[in-house]
Amino acid sequence: QVGGTQQTRRREKTIRTAKQGIWYTLMWLFVAAFIVIGGFVGEEPVWFWILYGVFVPLQGLFNAWIYFRERIIANRRKRRRNASQPKPQPDVPRADIPKADDPQPDVPQPDV
């Protein structure tokens, strides 16, 4: 049974890695489309250069999003799982805090 669990984990990791590779490829193709279109069209309209100037630098952000996506999802699942479990209450005695106008017997009071 242990081998089956290990195989299942390996398969899940392989699937996650394959999905991540597909996302990287799709994002690269999206940004590369601007370069390819620019090579075939010749004189591009202004809107093309605006989109090019926005999306080509954002490829790094897209790559970071793809890279951290699985970790973010795993952390959210972990937090939800931990939030659903009751948290143990610490066994800390509560101290009585005296009010400001209560005289304290062990502290000498100034004569007014």
N, C-alpha and C. Protein backbone atom coordinates (compact mmCIF):
# COMPACT_ATOMS: atom_id res chain seq x y z
N GLN A 1 0.81 -1.20 0.00
CA GLN A 1 0.00 0.00 0.00
C GLN A 1 0.85 1.27 0.00
N VAL A 2 2.00 1.21 0.65
CA VAL A 2 2.86 2.39 0.73
C VAL A 2 3.32 2.79 -0.66
N GLY A 3 3.68 1.81 -1.49
CA GLY A 3 4.12 2.10 -2.85
C GLY A 3 3.03 2.77 -3.67
N GLY A 4 1.79 2.36 -3.47
CA GLY A 4 0.66 2.97 -4.19
C GLY A 4 0.49 4.44 -3.83
N THR A 5 0.66 4.75 -2.56
CA THR A 5 0.55 6.14 -2.12
C THR A 5 1.67 6.97 -2.70
N GLN A 6 2.86 6.41 -2.73
CA GLN A 6 4.00 7.13 -3.29
C GLN A 6 3.81 7.33 -4.80
N GLN A 7 3.28 6.32 -5.47
CA GLN A 7 3.01 6.45 -6.90
C GLN A 7 1.95 7.52 -7.16
N THR A 8 0.95 7.56 -6.32
CA THR A 8 -0.10 8.57 -6.47
C THR A 8 0.47 9.97 -6.31
N ARG A 9 1.33 10.15 -5.31
CA ARG A 9 1.95 11.47 -5.11
C ARG A 9 2.83 11.85 -6.30
N ARG A 10 3.58 10.89 -6.81
CA ARG A 10 4.43 11.17 -7.98
C ARG A 10 3.58 11.55 -9.19
N ARG A 11 2.49 10.83 -9.39
CA ARG A 11 1.60 11.11 -10.52
C ARG A 11 1.00 12.51 -10.38
N GLU A 12 0.55 12.85 -9.17
CA GLU A 12 -0.02 14.19 -8.94
C GLU A 12 1.02 15.27 -9.19
N LYS A 13 2.23 15.05 -8.75
CA LYS A 13 3.30 16.03 -8.97
C LYS A 13 3.61 16.15 -10.47
N THR A 14 3.60 15.04 -11.18
CA THR A 14 3.84 15.08 -12.62
C THR A 14 2.75 15.86 -13.33
N ILE A 15 1.52 15.67 -12.92
CA ILE A 15 0.40 16.39 -13.53
C ILE A 15 0.51 17.88 -13.24
N ARG A 16 0.84 18.24 -11.99
CA ARG A 16 1.01 19.65 -11.64
C ARG A 16 2.12 20.29 -12.46
N THR A 17 3.24 19.57 -12.61
CA THR A 17 4.37 20.09 -13.37
C THR A 17 4.00 20.25 -14.84
N ALA A 18 3.27 19.29 -15.38
CA ALA A 18 2.84 19.39 -16.79
C ALA A 18 1.92 20.59 -16.99
N LYS A 19 0.98 20.79 -16.07
CA LYS A 19 0.09 21.96 -16.18
C LYS A 19 0.88 23.26 -16.11
N GLN A 20 1.87 23.28 -15.23
CA GLN A 20 2.71 24.48 -15.10
C GLN A 20 3.47 24.72 -16.40
N GLY A 21 3.98 23.69 -17.02
CA GLY A 21 4.68 23.82 -18.30
C GLY A 21 3.75 24.32 -19.40
N ILE A 22 2.53 23.85 -19.39
CA ILE A 22 1.55 24.31 -20.39
C ILE A 22 1.26 25.79 -20.18
N TRP A 23 1.10 26.20 -18.93
CA TRP A 23 0.85 27.63 -18.64
C TRP A 23 2.02 28.49 -19.11
N TYR A 24 3.26 28.05 -18.82
CA TYR A 24 4.43 28.80 -19.26
C TYR A 24 4.43 28.94 -20.79
N THR A 25 4.13 27.85 -21.48
CA THR A 25 4.12 27.87 -22.94
C THR A 25 3.04 28.81 -23.47
N LEU A 26 1.86 28.76 -22.90
CA LEU A 26 0.77 29.64 -23.34
C LEU A 26 1.11 31.11 -23.13
N MET A 27 1.70 31.42 -21.99
CA MET A 27 2.08 32.81 -21.74
C MET A 27 3.18 33.27 -22.69
N TRP A 28 4.12 32.38 -22.97
CA TRP A 28 5.19 32.73 -23.89
C TRP A 28 4.62 32.95 -25.29
N LEU A 29 3.70 32.08 -25.72
CA LEU A 29 3.08 32.24 -27.04
C LEU A 29 2.29 33.54 -27.13
N PHE A 30 1.62 33.89 -26.04
CA PHE A 30 0.84 35.13 -26.02
C PHE A 30 1.74 36.33 -26.26
N VAL A 31 2.87 36.38 -25.57
CA VAL A 31 3.79 37.50 -25.72
C VAL A 31 4.54 37.41 -27.06
N ALA A 32 4.90 36.20 -27.47
CA ALA A 32 5.62 36.03 -28.73
C ALA A 32 4.74 36.40 -29.93
N ALA A 33 3.44 36.33 -29.77
CA ALA A 33 2.54 36.69 -30.86
C ALA A 33 2.77 38.14 -31.28
N PHE A 34 3.08 39.01 -30.35
CA PHE A 34 3.35 40.41 -30.70
C PHE A 34 4.59 40.52 -31.58
N ILE A 35 5.60 39.73 -31.26
CA ILE A 35 6.84 39.78 -32.04
C ILE A 35 6.60 39.22 -33.44
N VAL A 36 5.85 38.13 -33.53
CA VAL A 36 5.57 37.52 -34.83
C VAL A 36 4.71 38.44 -35.68
N ILE A 37 3.68 39.00 -35.10
CA ILE A 37 2.81 39.92 -35.84
C ILE A 37 3.61 41.12 -36.32
N GLY A 38 4.48 41.63 -35.47
CA GLY A 38 5.31 42.77 -35.84
C GLY A 38 6.21 42.47 -37.03
N GLY A 39 6.70 41.24 -37.13
CA GLY A 39 7.57 40.85 -38.23
C GLY A 39 6.83 40.72 -39.55
N PHE A 40 5.57 40.33 -39.52
CA PHE A 40 4.81 40.13 -40.75
C PHE A 40 4.09 41.38 -41.23
N VAL A 41 3.63 42.20 -40.33
CA VAL A 41 2.81 43.35 -40.70
C VAL A 41 3.65 44.46 -41.31
N GLY A 42 4.81 44.69 -40.80
CA GLY A 42 5.65 45.77 -41.31
C GLY A 42 5.40 47.03 -40.51
N GLU A 43 4.56 47.89 -41.00
CA GLU A 43 4.23 49.14 -40.30
C GLU A 43 3.02 48.88 -39.40
N GLU A 44 3.28 48.79 -38.09
CA GLU A 44 2.21 48.47 -37.14
C GLU A 44 1.50 49.74 -36.70
N PRO A 45 0.22 49.63 -36.38
CA PRO A 45 -0.51 50.79 -35.85
C PRO A 45 -0.04 51.11 -34.42
N VAL A 46 -0.43 52.27 -33.96
CA VAL A 46 -0.01 52.74 -32.63
C VAL A 46 -0.52 51.80 -31.53
N TRP A 47 -1.75 51.33 -31.65
CA TRP A 47 -2.31 50.47 -30.61
C TRP A 47 -1.48 49.20 -30.44
N PHE A 48 -0.88 48.72 -31.54
CA PHE A 48 -0.04 47.53 -31.44
C PHE A 48 1.15 47.78 -30.52
N TRP A 49 1.79 48.93 -30.68
CA TRP A 49 2.95 49.24 -29.86
C TRP A 49 2.57 49.50 -28.41
N ILE A 50 1.38 50.02 -28.22
CA ILE A 50 0.91 50.21 -26.83
C ILE A 50 0.73 48.85 -26.16
N LEU A 51 0.05 47.92 -26.84
CA LEU A 51 -0.13 46.58 -26.28
C LEU A 51 1.20 45.87 -26.10
N TYR A 52 2.09 46.05 -27.06
CA TYR A 52 3.42 45.45 -26.97
C TYR A 52 4.17 45.99 -25.75
N GLY A 53 4.10 47.29 -25.56
CA GLY A 53 4.78 47.91 -24.42
C GLY A 53 4.20 47.53 -23.08
N VAL A 54 2.94 47.11 -23.07
CA VAL A 54 2.30 46.70 -21.81
C VAL A 54 2.57 45.22 -21.52
N PHE A 55 2.34 44.36 -22.50
CA PHE A 55 2.34 42.92 -22.23
C PHE A 55 3.72 42.27 -22.26
N VAL A 56 4.64 42.78 -23.06
CA VAL A 56 5.97 42.15 -23.09
C VAL A 56 6.68 42.29 -21.74
N PRO A 57 6.70 43.48 -21.12
CA PRO A 57 7.32 43.54 -19.79
C PRO A 57 6.56 42.75 -18.72
N LEU A 58 5.25 42.57 -18.93
CA LEU A 58 4.46 41.83 -17.95
C LEU A 58 4.69 40.32 -18.02
N GLN A 59 5.46 39.86 -19.00
CA GLN A 59 5.72 38.43 -19.08
C GLN A 59 6.41 37.93 -17.81
N GLY A 60 7.27 38.74 -17.22
CA GLY A 60 7.91 38.35 -15.97
C GLY A 60 6.90 38.17 -14.85
N LEU A 61 5.91 39.06 -14.79
CA LEU A 61 4.85 38.93 -13.78
C LEU A 61 4.02 37.67 -14.04
N PHE A 62 3.71 37.42 -15.32
CA PHE A 62 2.96 36.20 -15.65
C PHE A 62 3.74 34.96 -15.23
N ASN A 63 5.04 34.95 -15.49
CA ASN A 63 5.87 33.80 -15.11
C ASN A 63 5.91 33.62 -13.60
N ALA A 64 6.02 34.73 -12.87
CA ALA A 64 6.02 34.65 -11.40
C ALA A 64 4.68 34.12 -10.90
N TRP A 65 3.60 34.57 -11.50
CA TRP A 65 2.27 34.09 -11.10
C TRP A 65 2.16 32.59 -11.32
N ILE A 66 2.64 32.11 -12.47
CA ILE A 66 2.58 30.68 -12.75
C ILE A 66 3.45 29.92 -11.76
N TYR A 67 4.64 30.44 -11.47
CA TYR A 67 5.57 29.75 -10.59
C TYR A 67 5.02 29.64 -9.16
N PHE A 68 4.45 30.73 -8.64
CA PHE A 68 3.99 30.74 -7.25
C PHE A 68 2.55 30.26 -7.09
N ARG A 69 1.84 30.03 -8.17
CA ARG A 69 0.43 29.66 -8.12
C ARG A 69 0.19 28.42 -7.27
N GLU A 70 0.93 27.35 -7.50
CA GLU A 70 0.74 26.11 -6.74
C GLU A 70 1.02 26.31 -5.26
N ARG A 71 2.04 27.10 -4.94
CA ARG A 71 2.36 27.34 -3.53
C ARG A 71 1.27 28.15 -2.85
N ILE A 72 0.73 29.13 -3.55
CA ILE A 72 -0.34 29.95 -2.99
C ILE A 72 -1.58 29.09 -2.74
N ILE A 73 -1.93 28.26 -3.71
CA ILE A 73 -3.09 27.38 -3.55
C ILE A 73 -2.88 26.42 -2.38
N ALA A 74 -1.68 25.84 -2.27
CA ALA A 74 -1.40 24.91 -1.17
C ALA A 74 -1.49 25.61 0.18
N ASN A 75 -0.98 26.85 0.27
CA ASN A 75 -1.06 27.59 1.53
C ASN A 75 -2.50 27.93 1.89
N ARG A 76 -3.31 28.27 0.90
CA ARG A 76 -4.74 28.56 1.18
C ARG A 76 -5.44 27.32 1.69
N ARG A 77 -5.19 26.18 1.06
CA ARG A 77 -5.81 24.94 1.52
C ARG A 77 -5.39 24.61 2.95
N LYS A 78 -4.11 24.82 3.23
CA LYS A 78 -3.59 24.54 4.57
C LYS A 78 -4.24 25.46 5.60
N ARG A 79 -4.37 26.74 5.26
CA ARG A 79 -5.01 27.68 6.19
C ARG A 79 -6.46 27.33 6.43
N ARG A 80 -7.17 26.95 5.36
CA ARG A 80 -8.58 26.56 5.52
C ARG A 80 -8.70 25.32 6.39
N ARG A 81 -7.81 24.37 6.16
CA ARG A 81 -7.83 23.14 6.95
C ARG A 81 -7.55 23.45 8.42
N ASN A 82 -6.58 24.33 8.68
CA ASN A 82 -6.25 24.70 10.06
C ASN A 82 -7.34 25.55 10.69
N ALA A 83 -8.01 26.38 9.89
CA ALA A 83 -9.06 27.24 10.44
C ALA A 83 -10.28 26.42 10.85
N SER A 84 -10.52 25.29 10.18
CA SER A 84 -11.69 24.49 10.51
C SER A 84 -11.48 23.67 11.79
N GLN A 85 -10.22 23.48 12.19
CA GLN A 85 -9.95 22.75 13.43
C GLN A 85 -10.01 23.72 14.61
N PRO A 86 -10.59 23.28 15.72
CA PRO A 86 -10.63 24.18 16.89
C PRO A 86 -9.22 24.39 17.44
N LYS A 87 -8.95 25.62 17.78
CA LYS A 87 -7.63 25.95 18.32
C LYS A 87 -7.62 25.71 19.82
N PRO A 88 -6.56 25.10 20.34
CA PRO A 88 -6.51 24.88 21.78
C PRO A 88 -6.34 26.21 22.51
N GLN A 89 -7.09 26.36 23.57
CA GLN A 89 -7.01 27.59 24.35
C GLN A 89 -5.86 27.46 25.35
N PRO A 90 -5.01 28.46 25.40
CA PRO A 90 -3.89 28.37 26.36
C PRO A 90 -4.41 28.44 27.78
N ASP A 91 -3.73 27.76 28.66
CA ASP A 91 -4.11 27.72 30.06
C ASP A 91 -3.37 28.83 30.80
N VAL A 92 -3.74 30.05 30.52
CA VAL A 92 -3.06 31.20 31.12
C VAL A 92 -4.01 31.85 32.12
N PRO A 93 -3.55 31.99 33.37
CA PRO A 93 -4.43 32.65 34.35
C PRO A 93 -4.58 34.14 34.01
N ARG A 94 -5.75 34.64 34.22
CA ARG A 94 -6.01 36.06 33.94
C ARG A 94 -5.64 36.87 35.18
N ALA A 95 -4.94 37.95 34.96
CA ALA A 95 -4.56 38.82 36.06
C ALA A 95 -5.63 39.89 36.23
N ASP A 96 -5.94 40.21 37.47
CA ASP A 96 -6.88 41.30 37.73
C ASP A 96 -6.11 42.61 37.62
N ILE A 97 -6.55 43.43 36.73
CA ILE A 97 -5.88 44.72 36.53
C ILE A 97 -6.65 45.76 37.33
N PRO A 98 -5.97 46.40 38.30
CA PRO A 98 -6.68 47.39 39.12
C PRO A 98 -6.99 48.64 38.29
N LYS A 99 -8.07 49.29 38.66
CA LYS A 99 -8.43 50.54 38.00
C LYS A 99 -7.52 51.64 38.52
N ALA A 100 -7.46 52.71 37.78
CA ALA A 100 -6.54 53.81 38.12
C ALA A 100 -6.88 54.45 39.46
N ASP A 101 -8.17 54.51 39.83
CA ASP A 101 -8.53 55.18 41.07
C ASP A 101 -8.58 54.24 42.28
N ASP A 102 -8.29 52.94 42.08
CA ASP A 102 -8.26 52.01 43.21
C ASP A 102 -6.95 52.16 43.96
N PRO A 103 -6.99 52.34 45.27
CA PRO A 103 -5.73 52.42 46.03
C PRO A 103 -5.09 51.05 46.13
N GLN A 104 -3.81 51.00 46.02
CA GLN A 104 -3.09 49.74 46.13
C GLN A 104 -2.47 49.67 47.52
N PRO A 105 -2.78 48.61 48.28
CA PRO A 105 -2.33 48.56 49.67
C PRO A 105 -0.82 48.41 49.81
N ASP A 106 -0.16 47.77 48.90
CA ASP A 106 1.28 47.53 49.07
C ASP A 106 2.12 48.68 48.52
N VAL A 107 1.53 49.65 47.88
CA VAL A 107 2.27 50.78 47.34
C VAL A 107 1.97 52.00 48.23
N PRO A 108 3.00 52.64 48.75
CA PRO A 108 2.73 53.80 49.61
C PRO A 108 2.04 54.91 48.81
N GLN A 109 1.00 55.44 49.41
CA GLN A 109 0.23 56.51 48.76
C GLN A 109 0.76 57.85 49.22
N PRO A 110 0.89 58.78 48.30
CA PRO A 110 1.36 60.12 48.71
C PRO A 110 0.28 60.85 49.51
N ASP A 111 0.72 61.65 50.48
CA ASP A 111 -0.23 62.45 51.26
C ASP A 111 -0.60 63.67 50.44
N VAL A 112 -1.89 63.88 50.35
CA VAL A 112 -2.37 65.02 49.58
C VAL A 112 -2.88 66.09 50.48
